[in-house]
Amino acid sequence: MLCACLGCRQSYCWRNTAYPGVRLDSSSPSSQVVSREVPNVTEEELRNNLQQLQTLIPDLKPGPTSKYADLVRVAARLDKAAEILLILREEFPYLNVSRLAAAWPQLLLTDPEGLAADVKETKAVLGTCGPAVFRELLEEFPHLLVPSNATALMNNIARLFDFNGTCEDEEGELGRARGMKILETQPFLARPAVPLRSQTRGERDPEYLADTIRAEM
């Protein structure tokens, strides 16, 4: 069946999916990506999965954090995505997991067992800051669910305040603990210190981080 879109002659296009802009014809980039990664998923299954995905995660839409190919990847692995959501809901009942997944859709492509282990490690690093702050951090920076990112955040905060947080000894642990106390009362300090992939200069330049945090305060 041809689409009724003006000028469209593809058997499947965005009107056949739950997400405007997602084409599922065999020549579309999204379908080509999935055919390489998950060759056993048909176009019909993808269309049905995309519809279910929209119901399952209503906040997940194409935008700055979610490319069309990301949506199709998640839809092709819908069972795994549902399992990831169950883990998140069990571990973080106070979080809007739909919003969390929408902010970082790659999370839905991770290994469920690996995620469960990562969540435990992240809770050990950031959980002592209190439920309200922990929730605020994860909602704004979901990639802190990666333990190395959570540790890097605390190291950066400790370094900003000259707490020697990167030392792998008792002094370093004390520095991170002092940094956590600051984060409990001033969670906005996470913004200039969080290890964003685009914040490479900040990760390697303490003076730049210090200038940024002074501007925030």
C-alpha atoms as a PDB file:
ATOM      1  CA  MET A   1       0.000   0.000   0.000  1.00  0.00           C
ATOM      2  CA  LEU A   2       1.449   3.353  -1.052  1.00  0.00           C
ATOM      3  CA  CYS A   3       1.464   6.292   1.338  1.00  0.00           C
ATOM      4  CA  ALA A   4      -0.863   9.185   0.582  1.00  0.00           C
ATOM      5  CA  CYS A   5       1.834  11.785   1.341  1.00  0.00           C
ATOM      6  CA  LEU A   6       2.351  14.305  -1.451  1.00  0.00           C
ATOM      7  CA  GLY A   7       5.132  13.028  -3.664  1.00  0.00           C
ATOM      8  CA  CYS A   8       5.739   9.893  -1.578  1.00  0.00           C
ATOM      9  CA  ARG A   9       6.007   6.591  -3.446  1.00  0.00           C
ATOM     10  CA  GLN A  10       7.400   4.416  -0.673  1.00  0.00           C
ATOM     11  CA  SER A  11       5.492   1.436   0.669  1.00  0.00           C
ATOM     12  CA  TYR A  12       6.342   2.523   4.225  1.00  0.00           C
ATOM     13  CA  CYS A  13       6.939   6.045   5.425  1.00  0.00           C
ATOM     14  CA  TRP A  14       6.422   8.127   8.541  1.00  0.00           C
ATOM     15  CA  ARG A  15       2.614   7.998   8.268  1.00  0.00           C
ATOM     16  CA  ASN A  16       2.846   4.263   8.930  1.00  0.00           C
ATOM     17  CA  THR A  17       4.620   4.727  12.270  1.00  0.00           C
ATOM     18  CA  ALA A  18       3.907   6.251  15.662  1.00  0.00           C
ATOM     19  CA  TYR A  19       6.675   8.824  15.197  1.00  0.00           C
ATOM     20  CA  PRO A  20       6.488  11.539  12.513  1.00  0.00           C
ATOM     21  CA  GLY A  21       9.710  11.518  10.528  1.00  0.00           C
ATOM     22  CA  VAL A  22      10.570   7.846  11.037  1.00  0.00           C
ATOM     23  CA  ARG A  23      10.612   6.085   7.689  1.00  0.00           C
ATOM     24  CA  LEU A  24      10.662   2.304   7.572  1.00  0.00           C
ATOM     25  CA  ASP A  25      11.070   1.611   3.875  1.00  0.00           C
ATOM     26  CA  SER A  26      14.072  -0.543   3.057  1.00  0.00           C
ATOM     27  CA  SER A  27      16.028   2.405   1.648  1.00  0.00           C
ATOM     28  CA  SER A  28      15.704   4.592   4.748  1.00  0.00           C
ATOM     29  CA  PRO A  29      18.815   5.064   6.948  1.00  0.00           C
ATOM     30  CA  SER A  30      16.931   3.896  10.053  1.00  0.00           C
ATOM     31  CA  SER A  31      15.877   0.618   8.470  1.00  0.00           C
ATOM     32  CA  GLN A  32      19.340   0.036   7.065  1.00  0.00           C
ATOM     33  CA  VAL A  33      20.826   0.482  10.535  1.00  0.00           C
ATOM     34  CA  VAL A  34      18.407  -2.036  12.033  1.00  0.00           C
ATOM     35  CA  SER A  35      18.835  -4.520   9.185  1.00  0.00           C
ATOM     36  CA  ARG A  36      22.556  -4.607   9.982  1.00  0.00           C
ATOM     37  CA  GLU A  37      22.182  -4.766  13.763  1.00  0.00           C
ATOM     38  CA  VAL A  38      18.988  -6.837  14.126  1.00  0.00           C
ATOM     39  CA  PRO A  39      18.522  -8.611  10.785  1.00  0.00           C
ATOM     40  CA  ASN A  40      15.576 -10.783  11.891  1.00  0.00           C
ATOM     41  CA  VAL A  41      13.191  -7.877  12.603  1.00  0.00           C
ATOM     42  CA  THR A  42      10.718  -7.129   9.809  1.00  0.00           C
ATOM     43  CA  GLU A  43       9.294  -3.740   8.836  1.00  0.00           C
ATOM     44  CA  GLU A  44       5.875  -4.830  10.076  1.00  0.00           C
ATOM     45  CA  GLU A  45       7.323  -5.772  13.472  1.00  0.00           C
ATOM     46  CA  LEU A  46       9.130  -2.450  13.659  1.00  0.00           C
ATOM     47  CA  ARG A  47       5.933  -0.510  12.971  1.00  0.00           C
ATOM     48  CA  ASN A  48       4.096  -2.423  15.687  1.00  0.00           C
ATOM     49  CA  ASN A  49       6.988  -2.029  18.111  1.00  0.00           C
ATOM     50  CA  LEU A  50       7.199   1.711  17.491  1.00  0.00           C
ATOM     51  CA  GLN A  51       3.515   2.001  18.350  1.00  0.00           C
ATOM     52  CA  GLN A  52       4.065   0.072  21.590  1.00  0.00           C
ATOM     53  CA  LEU A  53       7.175   2.102  22.350  1.00  0.00           C
ATOM     54  CA  GLN A  54       5.207   5.339  22.179  1.00  0.00           C
ATOM     55  CA  THR A  55       2.764   3.934  24.742  1.00  0.00           C
ATOM     56  CA  LEU A  56       5.511   2.499  26.930  1.00  0.00           C
ATOM     57  CA  ILE A  57       7.686   5.634  26.950  1.00  0.00           C
ATOM     58  CA  PRO A  58       5.505   8.629  25.995  1.00  0.00           C
ATOM     59  CA  ASP A  59       8.352  11.104  26.606  1.00  0.00           C
ATOM     60  CA  LEU A  60      10.612   9.424  24.051  1.00  0.00           C
ATOM     61  CA  LYS A  61      10.379  11.543  20.907  1.00  0.00           C
ATOM     62  CA  PRO A  62      12.765  12.629  18.150  1.00  0.00           C
ATOM     63  CA  GLY A  63      14.807  15.586  19.305  1.00  0.00           C
ATOM     64  CA  PRO A  64      18.245  16.719  20.467  1.00  0.00           C
ATOM     65  CA  THR A  65      18.781  13.580  22.569  1.00  0.00           C
ATOM     66  CA  SER A  66      16.921  11.054  20.387  1.00  0.00           C
ATOM     67  CA  LYS A  67      17.711  10.503  16.729  1.00  0.00           C
ATOM     68  CA  TYR A  68      15.310   8.614  14.494  1.00  0.00           C
ATOM     69  CA  ALA A  69      17.788   5.744  14.303  1.00  0.00           C
ATOM     70  CA  ASP A  70      17.848   5.582  18.121  1.00  0.00           C
ATOM     71  CA  LEU A  71      14.068   5.168  18.226  1.00  0.00           C
ATOM     72  CA  VAL A  72      14.180   2.389  15.668  1.00  0.00           C
ATOM     73  CA  ARG A  73      17.042   0.661  17.484  1.00  0.00           C
ATOM     74  CA  VAL A  74      15.056   0.691  20.719  1.00  0.00           C
ATOM     75  CA  ALA A  75      11.896  -0.499  18.952  1.00  0.00           C
ATOM     76  CA  ALA A  76      13.805  -3.385  17.391  1.00  0.00           C
ATOM     77  CA  ARG A  77      14.801  -4.486  20.901  1.00  0.00           C
ATOM     78  CA  LEU A  78      11.519  -3.656  22.602  1.00  0.00           C
ATOM     79  CA  ASP A  79      11.608  -6.622  25.000  1.00  0.00           C
ATOM     80  CA  LYS A  80      15.002  -5.529  26.307  1.00  0.00           C
ATOM     81  CA  ALA A  81      13.824  -1.918  26.625  1.00  0.00           C
ATOM     82  CA  ALA A  82      10.818  -3.069  28.661  1.00  0.00           C
ATOM     83  CA  GLU A  83      13.130  -5.055  30.926  1.00  0.00           C
ATOM     84  CA  ILE A  84      15.322  -1.988  31.428  1.00  0.00           C
ATOM     85  CA  LEU A  85      12.271   0.074  32.389  1.00  0.00           C
ATOM     86  CA  LEU A  86      11.220  -2.527  34.959  1.00  0.00           C
ATOM     87  CA  ILE A  87      14.667  -2.390  36.554  1.00  0.00           C
ATOM     88  CA  LEU A  88      14.562   1.404  36.697  1.00  0.00           C
ATOM     89  CA  ARG A  89      11.061   1.441  38.187  1.00  0.00           C
ATOM     90  CA  GLU A  90      12.038  -1.066  40.855  1.00  0.00           C
ATOM     91  CA  GLU A  91      15.258   0.733  41.760  1.00  0.00           C
ATOM     92  CA  PHE A  92      13.912   4.292  41.467  1.00  0.00           C
ATOM     93  CA  PRO A  93      10.163   4.295  42.256  1.00  0.00           C
ATOM     94  CA  TYR A  94      10.304   8.064  42.781  1.00  0.00           C
ATOM     95  CA  LEU A  95      11.653   8.765  39.272  1.00  0.00           C
ATOM     96  CA  ASN A  96       9.767   9.442  36.055  1.00  0.00           C
ATOM     97  CA  VAL A  97      11.493   6.652  34.129  1.00  0.00           C
ATOM     98  CA  SER A  98       9.854   7.685  30.856  1.00  0.00           C
ATOM     99  CA  ARG A  99      11.494  11.099  31.112  1.00  0.00           C
ATOM    100  CA  LEU A 100      14.771   9.513  32.201  1.00  0.00           C
ATOM    101  CA  ALA A 101      14.826   7.165  29.211  1.00  0.00           C
ATOM    102  CA  ALA A 102      13.861   9.973  26.845  1.00  0.00           C
ATOM    103  CA  ALA A 103      16.807  12.061  28.034  1.00  0.00           C
ATOM    104  CA  TRP A 104      19.212   9.196  27.354  1.00  0.00           C
ATOM    105  CA  PRO A 105      17.659   6.614  24.973  1.00  0.00           C
ATOM    106  CA  GLN A 106      20.938   4.697  24.717  1.00  0.00           C
ATOM    107  CA  LEU A 107      20.153   3.506  28.238  1.00  0.00           C
ATOM    108  CA  LEU A 108      17.432   1.312  26.729  1.00  0.00           C
ATOM    109  CA  LEU A 109      20.029  -0.507  24.631  1.00  0.00           C
ATOM    110  CA  THR A 110      22.203  -1.585  27.550  1.00  0.00           C
ATOM    111  CA  ASP A 111      22.443  -5.076  28.989  1.00  0.00           C
ATOM    112  CA  PRO A 112      19.809  -5.470  31.751  1.00  0.00           C
ATOM    113  CA  GLU A 113      22.119  -7.423  34.044  1.00  0.00           C
ATOM    114  CA  GLY A 114      24.891  -4.902  33.532  1.00  0.00           C
ATOM    115  CA  LEU A 115      22.501  -2.046  34.256  1.00  0.00           C
ATOM    116  CA  ALA A 116      21.364  -3.655  37.514  1.00  0.00           C
ATOM    117  CA  ALA A 117      25.000  -3.877  38.626  1.00  0.00           C
ATOM    118  CA  ASP A 118      25.679  -0.284  37.533  1.00  0.00           C
ATOM    119  CA  VAL A 119      22.671   0.988  39.479  1.00  0.00           C
ATOM    120  CA  LYS A 120      23.981  -0.594  42.678  1.00  0.00           C
ATOM    121  CA  GLU A 121      27.400   1.011  42.176  1.00  0.00           C
ATOM    122  CA  THR A 122      25.905   4.409  41.386  1.00  0.00           C
ATOM    123  CA  LYS A 123      23.717   4.232  44.477  1.00  0.00           C
ATOM    124  CA  ALA A 124      26.821   3.519  46.532  1.00  0.00           C
ATOM    125  CA  VAL A 125      28.490   6.644  45.109  1.00  0.00           C
ATOM    126  CA  LEU A 126      25.593   9.121  45.006  1.00  0.00           C
ATOM    127  CA  GLY A 127      22.872   7.570  47.141  1.00  0.00           C
ATOM    128  CA  THR A 128      24.041   9.235  50.345  1.00  0.00           C
ATOM    129  CA  CYS A 129      23.192  12.688  48.988  1.00  0.00           C
ATOM    130  CA  GLY A 130      19.538  12.024  49.848  1.00  0.00           C
ATOM    131  CA  PRO A 131      16.538  10.956  47.711  1.00  0.00           C
ATOM    132  CA  ALA A 132      15.590  14.459  46.580  1.00  0.00           C
ATOM    133  CA  VAL A 133      19.083  15.395  45.361  1.00  0.00           C
ATOM    134  CA  PHE A 134      19.683  11.939  43.873  1.00  0.00           C
ATOM    135  CA  ARG A 135      16.432  12.245  41.933  1.00  0.00           C
ATOM    136  CA  GLU A 136      17.346  15.722  40.702  1.00  0.00           C
ATOM    137  CA  LEU A 137      20.765  14.532  39.550  1.00  0.00           C
ATOM    138  CA  LEU A 138      19.467  11.519  37.632  1.00  0.00           C
ATOM    139  CA  GLU A 139      16.625  13.415  35.988  1.00  0.00           C
ATOM    140  CA  GLU A 140      19.009  16.075  34.701  1.00  0.00           C
ATOM    141  CA  PHE A 141      22.026  13.823  34.075  1.00  0.00           C
ATOM    142  CA  PRO A 142      20.833  10.238  33.442  1.00  0.00           C
ATOM    143  CA  HIS A 143      24.275   9.145  32.277  1.00  0.00           C
ATOM    144  CA  LEU A 144      25.334   9.353  35.933  1.00  0.00           C
ATOM    145  CA  LEU A 145      23.888   5.840  36.081  1.00  0.00           C
ATOM    146  CA  VAL A 146      27.269   4.828  34.679  1.00  0.00           C
ATOM    147  CA  PRO A 147      29.352   4.358  37.865  1.00  0.00           C
ATOM    148  CA  SER A 148      32.498   5.878  36.358  1.00  0.00           C
ATOM    149  CA  ASN A 149      30.552   9.061  35.560  1.00  0.00           C
ATOM    150  CA  ALA A 150      29.154   9.232  39.095  1.00  0.00           C
ATOM    151  CA  THR A 151      32.642   8.816  40.544  1.00  0.00           C
ATOM    152  CA  ALA A 152      34.050  11.403  38.137  1.00  0.00           C
ATOM    153  CA  LEU A 153      31.371  13.874  39.261  1.00  0.00           C
ATOM    154  CA  MET A 154      32.371  13.523  42.908  1.00  0.00           C
ATOM    155  CA  ASN A 155      36.065  13.722  42.005  1.00  0.00           C
ATOM    156  CA  ASN A 156      35.437  16.942  40.073  1.00  0.00           C
ATOM    157  CA  ILE A 157      33.507  18.528  42.931  1.00  0.00           C
ATOM    158  CA  ALA A 158      36.203  17.520  45.413  1.00  0.00           C
ATOM    159  CA  ARG A 159      38.855  18.928  43.091  1.00  0.00           C
ATOM    160  CA  LEU A 160      36.981  22.202  42.675  1.00  0.00           C
ATOM    161  CA  PHE A 161      37.052  22.754  46.412  1.00  0.00           C
ATOM    162  CA  ASP A 162      40.590  21.410  46.795  1.00  0.00           C
ATOM    163  CA  PHE A 163      39.455  18.290  48.657  1.00  0.00           C
ATOM    164  CA  ASN A 164      41.922  16.000  46.828  1.00  0.00           C
ATOM    165  CA  GLY A 165      39.029  13.892  45.615  1.00  0.00           C
ATOM    166  CA  THR A 166      40.953  12.022  42.927  1.00  0.00           C
ATOM    167  CA  CYS A 167      43.363  10.374  45.355  1.00  0.00           C
ATOM    168  CA  GLU A 168      42.741   6.642  45.672  1.00  0.00           C
ATOM    169  CA  ASP A 169      43.288   6.567  49.419  1.00  0.00           C
ATOM    170  CA  GLU A 170      41.576   7.601  52.660  1.00  0.00           C
ATOM    171  CA  GLU A 171      42.248  11.266  51.912  1.00  0.00           C
ATOM    172  CA  GLY A 172      40.493  10.931  48.572  1.00  0.00           C
ATOM    173  CA  GLU A 173      37.509   9.204  50.169  1.00  0.00           C
ATOM    174  CA  LEU A 174      37.307  11.983  52.736  1.00  0.00           C
ATOM    175  CA  GLY A 175      37.442  14.575  49.961  1.00  0.00           C
ATOM    176  CA  ARG A 176      34.564  12.926  48.124  1.00  0.00           C
ATOM    177  CA  ALA A 177      32.570  12.700  51.348  1.00  0.00           C
ATOM    178  CA  ARG A 178      33.069  16.430  51.917  1.00  0.00           C
ATOM    179  CA  GLY A 179      32.051  17.060  48.321  1.00  0.00           C
ATOM    180  CA  MET A 180      28.890  15.032  48.892  1.00  0.00           C
ATOM    181  CA  LYS A 181      27.963  17.227  51.854  1.00  0.00           C
ATOM    182  CA  ILE A 182      28.221  20.277  49.593  1.00  0.00           C
ATOM    183  CA  LEU A 183      26.160  18.572  46.885  1.00  0.00           C
ATOM    184  CA  GLU A 184      23.407  17.762  49.390  1.00  0.00           C
ATOM    185  CA  THR A 185      22.728  21.443  50.000  1.00  0.00           C
ATOM    186  CA  GLN A 186      23.779  22.863  46.617  1.00  0.00           C
ATOM    187  CA  PRO A 187      22.917  20.296  43.912  1.00  0.00           C
ATOM    188  CA  PHE A 188      23.300  22.931  41.181  1.00  0.00           C
ATOM    189  CA  LEU A 189      27.062  22.498  41.605  1.00  0.00           C
ATOM    190  CA  ALA A 190      26.732  19.280  39.625  1.00  0.00           C
ATOM    191  CA  ARG A 191      26.098  21.229  36.410  1.00  0.00           C
ATOM    192  CA  PRO A 192      29.632  22.549  35.890  1.00  0.00           C
ATOM    193  CA  ALA A 193      31.226  19.445  37.418  1.00  0.00           C
ATOM    194  CA  VAL A 194      29.286  16.621  35.781  1.00  0.00           C
ATOM    195  CA  PRO A 195      31.453  14.708  33.262  1.00  0.00           C
ATOM    196  CA  LEU A 196      29.500  15.502  30.106  1.00  0.00           C
ATOM    197  CA  ARG A 197      31.058  14.169  26.931  1.00  0.00           C
ATOM    198  CA  SER A 198      30.925  17.657  25.438  1.00  0.00           C
ATOM    199  CA  GLN A 199      32.633  19.140  28.476  1.00  0.00           C
ATOM    200  CA  THR A 200      36.110  17.884  27.646  1.00  0.00           C
ATOM    201  CA  ARG A 201      37.858  21.125  28.496  1.00  0.00           C
ATOM    202  CA  GLY A 202      36.197  21.238  31.893  1.00  0.00           C
ATOM    203  CA  GLU A 203      37.229  17.686  32.644  1.00  0.00           C
ATOM    204  CA  ARG A 204      40.891  18.442  32.149  1.00  0.00           C
ATOM    205  CA  ASP A 205      41.125  22.078  33.263  1.00  0.00           C
ATOM    206  CA  PRO A 206      40.548  22.728  37.005  1.00  0.00           C
ATOM    207  CA  GLU A 207      40.868  26.506  36.571  1.00  0.00           C
ATOM    208  CA  TYR A 208      38.133  26.505  33.924  1.00  0.00           C
ATOM    209  CA  LEU A 209      35.879  24.482  36.210  1.00  0.00           C
ATOM    210  CA  ALA A 210      36.560  26.835  39.106  1.00  0.00           C
ATOM    211  CA  ASP A 211      35.697  29.881  36.985  1.00  0.00           C
ATOM    212  CA  THR A 212      32.489  28.201  35.830  1.00  0.00           C
ATOM    213  CA  ILE A 213      31.369  27.275  39.301  1.00  0.00           C
ATOM    214  CA  ARG A 214      32.071  30.774  40.646  1.00  0.00           C
ATOM    215  CA  ALA A 215      29.829  32.131  37.894  1.00  0.00           C
ATOM    216  CA  GLU A 216      27.069  29.705  38.958  1.00  0.00           C
ATOM    217  CA  MET A 217      27.337  30.860  42.564  1.00  0.00           C
END
